[in-house]
N, C-alpha and C. Protein backbone atom coordinates (compact mmCIF):
# COMPACT_ATOMS: atom_id res chain seq x y z
N MET A 1 0.79 -1.15 0.16
CA MET A 1 0.01 0.02 0.11
C MET A 1 0.94 1.24 0.06
N LYS A 2 0.57 2.34 -0.86
CA LYS A 2 1.29 3.42 -0.87
C LYS A 2 0.48 4.64 -0.73
N LEU A 3 0.81 5.65 0.07
CA LEU A 3 0.29 6.96 -0.14
C LEU A 3 0.98 8.19 -0.40
N HIS A 4 0.57 9.01 -0.99
CA HIS A 4 1.27 10.22 -1.46
C HIS A 4 0.56 11.45 -0.83
N CYS A 5 1.26 12.09 0.23
CA CYS A 5 0.35 13.20 0.92
C CYS A 5 1.29 14.38 0.97
N VAL A 6 0.76 15.68 0.92
CA VAL A 6 1.37 16.80 1.16
C VAL A 6 0.91 17.33 2.34
N GLY A 7 2.17 17.92 3.15
CA GLY A 7 1.84 18.57 4.49
C GLY A 7 1.28 19.97 4.15
N SER A 8 0.91 20.79 5.28
CA SER A 8 0.58 22.09 5.30
C SER A 8 1.62 23.06 4.93
N GLY A 9 2.96 22.69 5.08
CA GLY A 9 3.97 23.45 4.95
C GLY A 9 4.49 23.01 3.19
N GLY A 10 3.96 22.34 2.63
CA GLY A 10 4.30 21.87 1.27
C GLY A 10 5.07 20.64 1.21
N GLU A 11 5.58 20.12 2.45
CA GLU A 11 6.36 18.87 2.46
C GLU A 11 5.72 17.83 1.97
N VAL A 12 6.28 16.87 1.19
CA VAL A 12 5.78 15.70 0.71
C VAL A 12 6.11 14.36 1.52
N PHE A 13 4.99 13.58 1.62
CA PHE A 13 5.23 12.25 2.42
C PHE A 13 4.89 11.17 1.51
N LEU A 14 5.79 10.18 1.24
CA LEU A 14 5.52 8.98 0.55
C LEU A 14 5.59 7.82 1.55
N VAL A 15 4.34 7.35 1.87
CA VAL A 15 4.42 6.29 3.05
C VAL A 15 3.97 5.03 2.38
N GLU A 16 4.75 4.00 2.79
CA GLU A 16 4.59 2.74 2.14
C GLU A 16 4.36 1.71 3.19
N LEU A 17 3.57 0.66 3.02
CA LEU A 17 3.41 -0.20 4.09
C LEU A 17 3.64 -1.59 3.14
N LYS A 18 4.69 -2.34 3.55
CA LYS A 18 5.09 -3.46 2.90
C LYS A 18 5.31 -4.63 4.06
N LEU A 19 4.43 -5.56 3.90
CA LEU A 19 4.46 -6.73 4.75
C LEU A 19 5.33 -8.00 4.23
N GLN A 20 5.40 -8.20 3.11
CA GLN A 20 6.06 -9.10 2.46
C GLN A 20 7.36 -8.81 2.10
N ASN A 21 8.23 -9.73 2.21
CA ASN A 21 9.80 -9.50 1.76
C ASN A 21 9.83 -8.86 0.38
N GLN A 22 10.71 -7.64 0.37
CA GLN A 22 10.84 -7.12 -0.95
C GLN A 22 12.36 -7.14 -1.32
N ASP A 23 12.66 -7.85 -2.31
CA ASP A 23 13.98 -7.74 -2.73
C ASP A 23 14.51 -6.48 -3.31
N PHE A 24 15.54 -5.98 -3.25
CA PHE A 24 16.09 -4.74 -3.51
C PHE A 24 15.19 -3.47 -3.09
N PHE A 25 14.96 -3.71 -1.65
CA PHE A 25 13.91 -2.76 -1.12
C PHE A 25 14.52 -1.19 -1.38
N PHE A 26 15.91 -0.88 -1.02
CA PHE A 26 16.41 0.38 -1.00
C PHE A 26 16.39 0.98 -2.56
N ASP A 27 16.69 -0.05 -3.66
CA ASP A 27 16.66 0.40 -4.90
C ASP A 27 15.20 1.01 -5.21
N ARG A 28 14.23 0.33 -4.56
CA ARG A 28 12.77 0.61 -5.09
C ARG A 28 12.51 1.99 -4.35
N ALA A 29 13.04 2.20 -3.02
CA ALA A 29 12.79 3.45 -2.29
C ALA A 29 13.51 4.45 -3.04
N VAL A 30 14.77 4.45 -3.44
CA VAL A 30 15.43 5.49 -4.22
C VAL A 30 14.50 5.81 -5.50
N SER A 31 14.24 4.72 -6.10
CA SER A 31 13.71 4.95 -7.46
C SER A 31 12.20 5.61 -7.27
N TYR A 32 11.51 5.40 -6.19
CA TYR A 32 10.14 6.01 -5.88
C TYR A 32 10.52 7.48 -5.43
N THR A 33 11.47 7.75 -4.67
CA THR A 33 11.75 9.16 -4.31
C THR A 33 12.17 9.97 -5.48
N SER A 34 12.85 9.43 -6.45
CA SER A 34 13.56 10.09 -7.57
C SER A 34 12.41 10.42 -8.47
N ARG A 35 11.58 9.42 -8.73
CA ARG A 35 10.45 9.75 -9.63
C ARG A 35 9.60 11.13 -9.03
N THR A 36 9.44 11.04 -7.58
CA THR A 36 8.61 12.14 -7.29
C THR A 36 9.47 13.53 -7.35
N ILE A 37 10.73 13.42 -7.17
CA ILE A 37 11.70 14.56 -7.11
C ILE A 37 11.55 15.02 -8.74
N SER A 38 11.49 14.29 -9.53
CA SER A 38 11.57 14.46 -10.97
C SER A 38 10.24 15.16 -11.31
N ARG A 39 9.21 14.70 -10.93
CA ARG A 39 7.76 15.31 -11.16
C ARG A 39 7.81 16.68 -10.41
N LEU A 40 8.49 16.82 -9.25
CA LEU A 40 8.45 18.12 -8.63
C LEU A 40 9.20 19.24 -9.13
N ALA A 41 10.42 18.87 -9.89
CA ALA A 41 11.28 19.96 -10.29
C ALA A 41 10.55 20.68 -11.56
N LYS A 42 10.69 22.10 -11.60
CA LYS A 42 10.28 22.81 -12.52
C LYS A 42 10.85 22.54 -13.96
N LYS A 43 10.16 22.31 -14.85
CA LYS A 43 10.95 21.97 -16.18
C LYS A 43 11.02 23.14 -16.99
N GLY A 44 12.07 23.26 -17.86
CA GLY A 44 12.14 24.35 -18.70
C GLY A 44 12.71 25.77 -18.24
N LYS A 45 12.76 25.88 -17.01
CA LYS A 45 13.20 27.18 -16.41
C LYS A 45 14.70 27.34 -16.46
N GLU A 46 15.15 28.56 -16.75
CA GLU A 46 16.50 28.83 -16.70
C GLU A 46 16.65 29.52 -15.36
N GLY A 47 17.93 29.62 -15.05
CA GLY A 47 18.16 30.17 -13.66
C GLY A 47 18.48 29.18 -12.56
N ASN A 48 18.16 29.72 -11.41
CA ASN A 48 18.48 29.13 -10.19
C ASN A 48 17.25 28.87 -9.39
N ASP A 49 16.17 28.54 -9.95
CA ASP A 49 14.82 28.09 -9.27
C ASP A 49 14.59 26.75 -9.25
N TYR A 50 15.39 25.97 -8.52
CA TYR A 50 15.03 24.53 -8.52
C TYR A 50 14.74 24.20 -7.03
N GLU A 51 14.24 25.12 -6.21
CA GLU A 51 14.10 24.80 -4.72
C GLU A 51 12.92 23.64 -4.68
N LEU A 52 13.28 22.71 -4.02
CA LEU A 52 12.20 21.55 -3.74
C LEU A 52 11.69 21.62 -2.36
N PRO A 53 10.42 21.06 -2.14
CA PRO A 53 9.84 20.83 -0.79
C PRO A 53 10.91 19.72 -0.10
N PRO A 54 10.64 19.72 1.37
CA PRO A 54 11.26 18.35 2.07
C PRO A 54 10.53 17.31 1.56
N ILE A 55 11.10 16.16 1.38
CA ILE A 55 10.46 14.86 0.96
C ILE A 55 10.90 13.86 1.91
N TYR A 56 9.82 13.20 2.53
CA TYR A 56 10.00 12.05 3.56
C TYR A 56 9.47 10.76 2.94
N PHE A 57 10.30 9.67 2.82
CA PHE A 57 9.95 8.51 2.49
C PHE A 57 9.79 7.73 3.70
N VAL A 58 8.47 7.33 4.10
CA VAL A 58 8.39 6.47 5.43
C VAL A 58 7.75 5.11 5.03
N ALA A 59 8.62 4.11 5.48
CA ALA A 59 8.23 2.77 5.17
C ALA A 59 7.91 2.16 6.48
N VAL A 60 6.83 1.42 6.31
CA VAL A 60 6.54 0.44 7.67
C VAL A 60 6.64 -0.96 6.95
N LEU A 61 7.65 -1.58 7.55
CA LEU A 61 8.08 -2.86 6.95
C LEU A 61 7.71 -4.00 7.99
N GLY A 62 7.13 -5.24 7.27
CA GLY A 62 6.84 -6.40 8.26
C GLY A 62 7.85 -7.33 7.98
N PHE A 63 9.04 -7.05 7.45
CA PHE A 63 10.08 -7.99 7.29
C PHE A 63 11.42 -7.33 7.89
N ARG A 64 12.42 -8.20 7.98
CA ARG A 64 13.66 -7.69 8.18
C ARG A 64 14.37 -7.15 7.12
N LEU A 65 15.33 -6.27 7.15
CA LEU A 65 16.25 -5.86 6.11
C LEU A 65 17.58 -6.54 6.22
N ASP A 66 18.24 -6.80 5.34
CA ASP A 66 19.57 -7.46 5.23
C ASP A 66 20.67 -6.90 6.37
N ILE A 67 20.48 -5.30 6.20
CA ILE A 67 21.40 -4.49 6.94
C ILE A 67 21.08 -4.50 8.32
N SER A 68 19.72 -4.88 8.71
CA SER A 68 19.35 -4.41 10.14
C SER A 68 19.87 -5.63 11.11
N ASN A 69 20.12 -5.09 12.23
CA ASN A 69 20.44 -5.77 13.44
C ASN A 69 19.01 -6.34 13.95
N ARG A 70 18.86 -7.18 14.76
CA ARG A 70 17.64 -7.70 15.26
C ARG A 70 17.07 -6.69 16.41
N GLU A 71 17.94 -5.81 16.87
CA GLU A 71 17.51 -4.89 17.87
C GLU A 71 16.85 -3.58 17.39
N LYS A 72 17.45 -3.20 16.19
CA LYS A 72 17.05 -1.74 15.84
C LYS A 72 15.87 -1.83 14.96
N HIS A 73 14.86 -1.03 15.37
CA HIS A 73 13.52 -1.01 14.69
C HIS A 73 13.21 0.24 14.24
N TYR A 74 14.01 1.36 14.18
CA TYR A 74 13.72 2.55 13.47
C TYR A 74 15.08 3.07 12.87
N TYR A 75 14.92 3.44 11.58
CA TYR A 75 15.98 4.24 10.78
C TYR A 75 15.69 5.38 10.16
N ASN A 76 16.67 6.32 10.44
CA ASN A 76 16.46 7.69 9.82
C ASN A 76 17.50 8.23 8.95
N GLY A 77 17.48 7.87 7.67
CA GLY A 77 18.56 8.06 6.69
C GLY A 77 18.31 9.46 6.06
N LYS A 78 19.51 10.02 5.72
CA LYS A 78 19.68 11.36 4.85
C LYS A 78 20.97 11.24 4.08
N ILE A 79 21.13 12.14 3.26
CA ILE A 79 22.45 12.24 2.55
C ILE A 79 23.35 12.86 3.42
N ILE A 80 24.48 12.14 3.83
CA ILE A 80 25.37 12.63 4.73
C ILE A 80 26.84 12.58 4.09
N ASP A 81 27.77 13.20 4.79
CA ASP A 81 29.30 13.08 4.46
C ASP A 81 29.69 11.81 5.37
N GLU A 82 30.18 10.83 4.77
CA GLU A 82 30.77 9.69 5.19
C GLU A 82 31.71 10.12 6.39
N LEU A 83 32.53 11.23 6.12
CA LEU A 83 33.57 11.30 7.06
C LEU A 83 33.27 11.99 8.40
N ASP A 84 32.42 12.98 8.26
CA ASP A 84 32.21 13.57 9.62
C ASP A 84 30.51 13.44 10.01
N GLN A 85 29.75 12.80 9.14
CA GLN A 85 28.37 12.53 9.46
C GLN A 85 27.58 13.88 9.07
N GLU A 86 28.12 14.79 8.65
CA GLU A 86 27.51 16.00 8.35
C GLU A 86 26.33 16.02 7.29
N VAL A 87 25.12 16.39 7.55
CA VAL A 87 23.95 16.22 6.71
C VAL A 87 24.12 17.25 5.48
N LEU A 88 24.37 16.66 4.23
CA LEU A 88 24.50 17.44 3.02
C LEU A 88 23.29 17.98 2.47
N TYR A 89 22.25 17.24 2.57
CA TYR A 89 20.91 17.69 1.99
C TYR A 89 19.88 17.31 3.11
N PRO A 90 19.47 18.16 3.81
CA PRO A 90 18.43 17.85 4.83
C PRO A 90 16.88 17.80 4.25
N LYS A 91 16.63 18.05 2.99
CA LYS A 91 15.31 17.88 2.57
C LYS A 91 14.85 16.57 2.16
N LEU A 92 15.66 15.70 2.07
CA LEU A 92 15.26 14.14 1.77
C LEU A 92 15.70 13.21 2.84
N SER A 93 14.60 12.58 3.28
CA SER A 93 14.75 11.62 4.45
C SER A 93 14.08 10.33 4.27
N TYR A 94 14.82 9.42 4.63
CA TYR A 94 14.04 7.96 4.43
C TYR A 94 13.82 7.61 5.80
N ARG A 95 12.73 7.20 6.35
CA ARG A 95 12.43 6.63 7.76
C ARG A 95 11.80 5.35 7.59
N LEU A 96 12.48 4.42 8.33
CA LEU A 96 12.19 3.01 8.20
C LEU A 96 11.68 2.66 9.47
N LEU A 97 10.65 1.86 9.52
CA LEU A 97 10.11 1.48 10.79
C LEU A 97 9.92 -0.26 10.58
N LEU A 98 10.83 -1.02 11.25
CA LEU A 98 10.66 -2.49 11.14
C LEU A 98 10.05 -3.16 12.24
N LEU A 99 8.91 -3.74 12.01
CA LEU A 99 7.83 -4.10 12.94
C LEU A 99 8.50 -5.51 13.32
N PRO A 100 9.18 -6.56 12.73
CA PRO A 100 9.56 -7.53 13.50
C PRO A 100 10.74 -7.29 14.37
N ASN A 101 11.19 -6.01 14.36
CA ASN A 101 12.44 -5.88 15.22
C ASN A 101 12.09 -5.05 16.44
N PHE A 102 10.75 -4.65 16.42
CA PHE A 102 10.14 -4.10 17.80
C PHE A 102 9.72 -5.26 18.74
N ASN A 103 10.39 -4.98 19.79
CA ASN A 103 9.91 -6.14 20.73
C ASN A 103 9.60 -5.70 22.22
N LYS A 104 9.10 -4.42 22.18
CA LYS A 104 8.82 -3.88 23.56
C LYS A 104 7.42 -4.43 24.00
N SER A 105 7.08 -4.46 25.16
CA SER A 105 5.75 -5.11 25.65
C SER A 105 4.83 -3.74 26.03
N LYS A 106 3.84 -4.06 26.29
CA LYS A 106 2.68 -3.03 26.46
C LYS A 106 2.84 -2.32 27.61
N THR A 107 3.91 -2.71 28.58
CA THR A 107 4.19 -1.87 29.76
C THR A 107 5.43 -1.21 29.28
N GLU A 108 5.96 -1.02 28.22
CA GLU A 108 7.23 -0.39 27.98
C GLU A 108 7.25 0.45 26.85
N LEU A 109 6.16 1.31 26.65
CA LEU A 109 5.75 2.33 25.58
C LEU A 109 5.69 3.60 26.20
N PRO A 110 6.89 4.24 26.54
CA PRO A 110 6.99 5.70 26.90
C PRO A 110 6.65 6.87 25.81
N THR A 111 6.87 6.47 24.62
CA THR A 111 7.02 7.44 23.63
C THR A 111 5.77 7.21 22.55
N ILE A 112 5.18 8.13 22.08
CA ILE A 112 4.23 8.10 21.00
C ILE A 112 4.65 7.05 19.81
N MET A 113 6.15 7.23 19.59
CA MET A 113 6.71 6.30 18.54
C MET A 113 6.48 4.71 19.07
N ASP A 114 6.96 4.71 20.24
CA ASP A 114 6.81 3.21 20.71
C ASP A 114 5.36 2.74 20.64
N GLN A 115 4.44 3.58 21.16
CA GLN A 115 2.89 3.20 20.95
C GLN A 115 2.51 2.95 19.49
N TRP A 116 2.95 3.62 18.49
CA TRP A 116 2.72 3.47 17.19
C TRP A 116 3.13 2.12 16.69
N MET A 117 4.42 1.99 16.95
CA MET A 117 5.05 0.59 16.67
C MET A 117 4.21 -0.52 17.30
N TYR A 118 3.97 -0.41 18.55
CA TYR A 118 3.19 -1.57 19.06
C TYR A 118 1.89 -1.78 18.61
N LEU A 119 1.16 -0.79 18.23
CA LEU A 119 -0.11 -0.77 17.67
C LEU A 119 -0.03 -1.39 16.40
N MET A 120 0.89 -0.99 15.38
CA MET A 120 0.93 -1.35 14.18
C MET A 120 1.43 -2.91 14.18
N LYS A 121 2.15 -3.35 15.05
CA LYS A 121 2.73 -4.79 15.18
C LYS A 121 1.46 -5.85 15.48
N HIS A 122 0.69 -5.27 16.53
CA HIS A 122 -0.31 -5.97 17.24
C HIS A 122 -1.74 -5.79 16.91
N LEU A 123 -1.96 -4.98 15.88
CA LEU A 123 -3.32 -4.45 15.48
C LEU A 123 -4.17 -5.62 15.35
N ASP A 124 -3.91 -6.74 14.72
CA ASP A 124 -4.61 -7.94 14.38
C ASP A 124 -5.12 -8.49 15.84
N GLU A 125 -4.57 -8.20 16.95
CA GLU A 125 -4.99 -8.84 18.11
C GLU A 125 -5.71 -7.95 19.00
N ILE A 126 -5.82 -6.62 18.76
CA ILE A 126 -6.62 -5.59 19.47
C ILE A 126 -7.74 -5.33 18.92
N GLU A 127 -8.92 -5.39 19.79
CA GLU A 127 -10.34 -4.88 19.43
C GLU A 127 -10.75 -3.70 19.70
N GLU A 128 -10.34 -3.08 20.86
CA GLU A 128 -10.77 -1.92 21.45
C GLU A 128 -9.61 -1.17 21.84
N LEU A 129 -9.70 0.24 22.11
CA LEU A 129 -8.54 1.12 22.50
C LEU A 129 -8.01 0.63 23.90
N PRO A 130 -6.70 0.06 24.08
CA PRO A 130 -6.42 -0.45 25.37
C PRO A 130 -5.89 0.89 26.23
N ASN A 131 -5.86 0.73 27.61
CA ASN A 131 -5.73 1.75 28.33
C ASN A 131 -4.11 2.28 28.21
N TYR A 132 -3.20 1.37 27.87
CA TYR A 132 -1.80 1.90 27.79
C TYR A 132 -1.56 2.65 26.31
N LEU A 133 -2.46 3.08 25.62
CA LEU A 133 -2.50 3.83 24.52
C LEU A 133 -2.96 5.17 24.70
N ASP A 134 -2.20 6.43 24.19
CA ASP A 134 -2.76 7.78 24.26
C ASP A 134 -3.87 7.84 23.67
N LYS A 135 -5.10 8.15 24.50
CA LYS A 135 -6.43 8.44 24.08
C LYS A 135 -6.63 9.36 23.00
N ARG A 136 -5.84 10.51 23.26
CA ARG A 136 -6.06 11.59 22.28
C ARG A 136 -5.70 11.34 20.84
N ILE A 137 -4.61 10.57 20.68
CA ILE A 137 -4.09 10.24 19.27
C ILE A 137 -4.62 8.89 18.85
N PHE A 138 -5.07 7.78 19.54
CA PHE A 138 -5.31 6.60 18.91
C PHE A 138 -6.88 6.26 18.91
N SER A 139 -7.71 7.22 19.81
CA SER A 139 -9.10 6.85 19.80
C SER A 139 -9.95 6.81 18.49
N ARG A 140 -9.44 7.70 17.39
CA ARG A 140 -10.12 7.55 16.21
C ARG A 140 -9.67 6.46 15.25
N MET A 141 -8.80 5.55 15.70
CA MET A 141 -8.58 4.32 15.04
C MET A 141 -9.67 3.44 15.44
N PHE A 142 -10.16 3.45 16.78
CA PHE A 142 -11.01 2.40 17.09
C PHE A 142 -12.53 2.90 17.24
N HIS A 143 -12.62 4.20 17.10
CA HIS A 143 -13.88 5.02 16.88
C HIS A 143 -13.86 6.04 15.62
N PRO A 144 -13.76 5.42 14.48
CA PRO A 144 -13.67 6.49 13.44
C PRO A 144 -14.96 7.29 13.15
N ARG A 145 -14.87 8.50 12.79
CA ARG A 145 -16.01 9.21 12.38
C ARG A 145 -16.54 8.86 10.84
N VAL A 146 -17.73 8.47 10.83
CA VAL A 146 -18.30 8.34 9.58
C VAL A 146 -18.64 9.65 9.03
N CYS A 147 -18.21 9.87 7.76
CA CYS A 147 -18.50 10.88 6.93
C CYS A 147 -19.21 10.58 5.69
N PHE A 148 -20.08 11.30 5.24
CA PHE A 148 -20.71 11.20 3.92
C PHE A 148 -20.86 12.41 3.22
């Protein structure tokens, strides 16, 4: 499943949910963001007007990556200088959430990120909003408004 969203500040969010193993996942991610950048770039203009909005590729994965250790469940990638880790281009981010690597229990969810990860990993087991999840954020998932 893929979503293409635009934030209120013009930033672009490419959200992908992939539960099955995907060969060449990073090639696919780079290709997907490259196509988006190509579409956003102004064509046929002369001069120095190539400013792009921030672009975030967010992947929620139901499989482990070859590079991942079994402990790490969140990656935040950018274009950096390998020598000193300085961010060279802050407007392109790759955020990866690896559900199989998330092993916290429902009593170990101090942050909203932990709560989201737990909910995504265990959604098929949860029928109503549990007490350990933030009511303000998650209540609409269990009691959505119906709009016509």
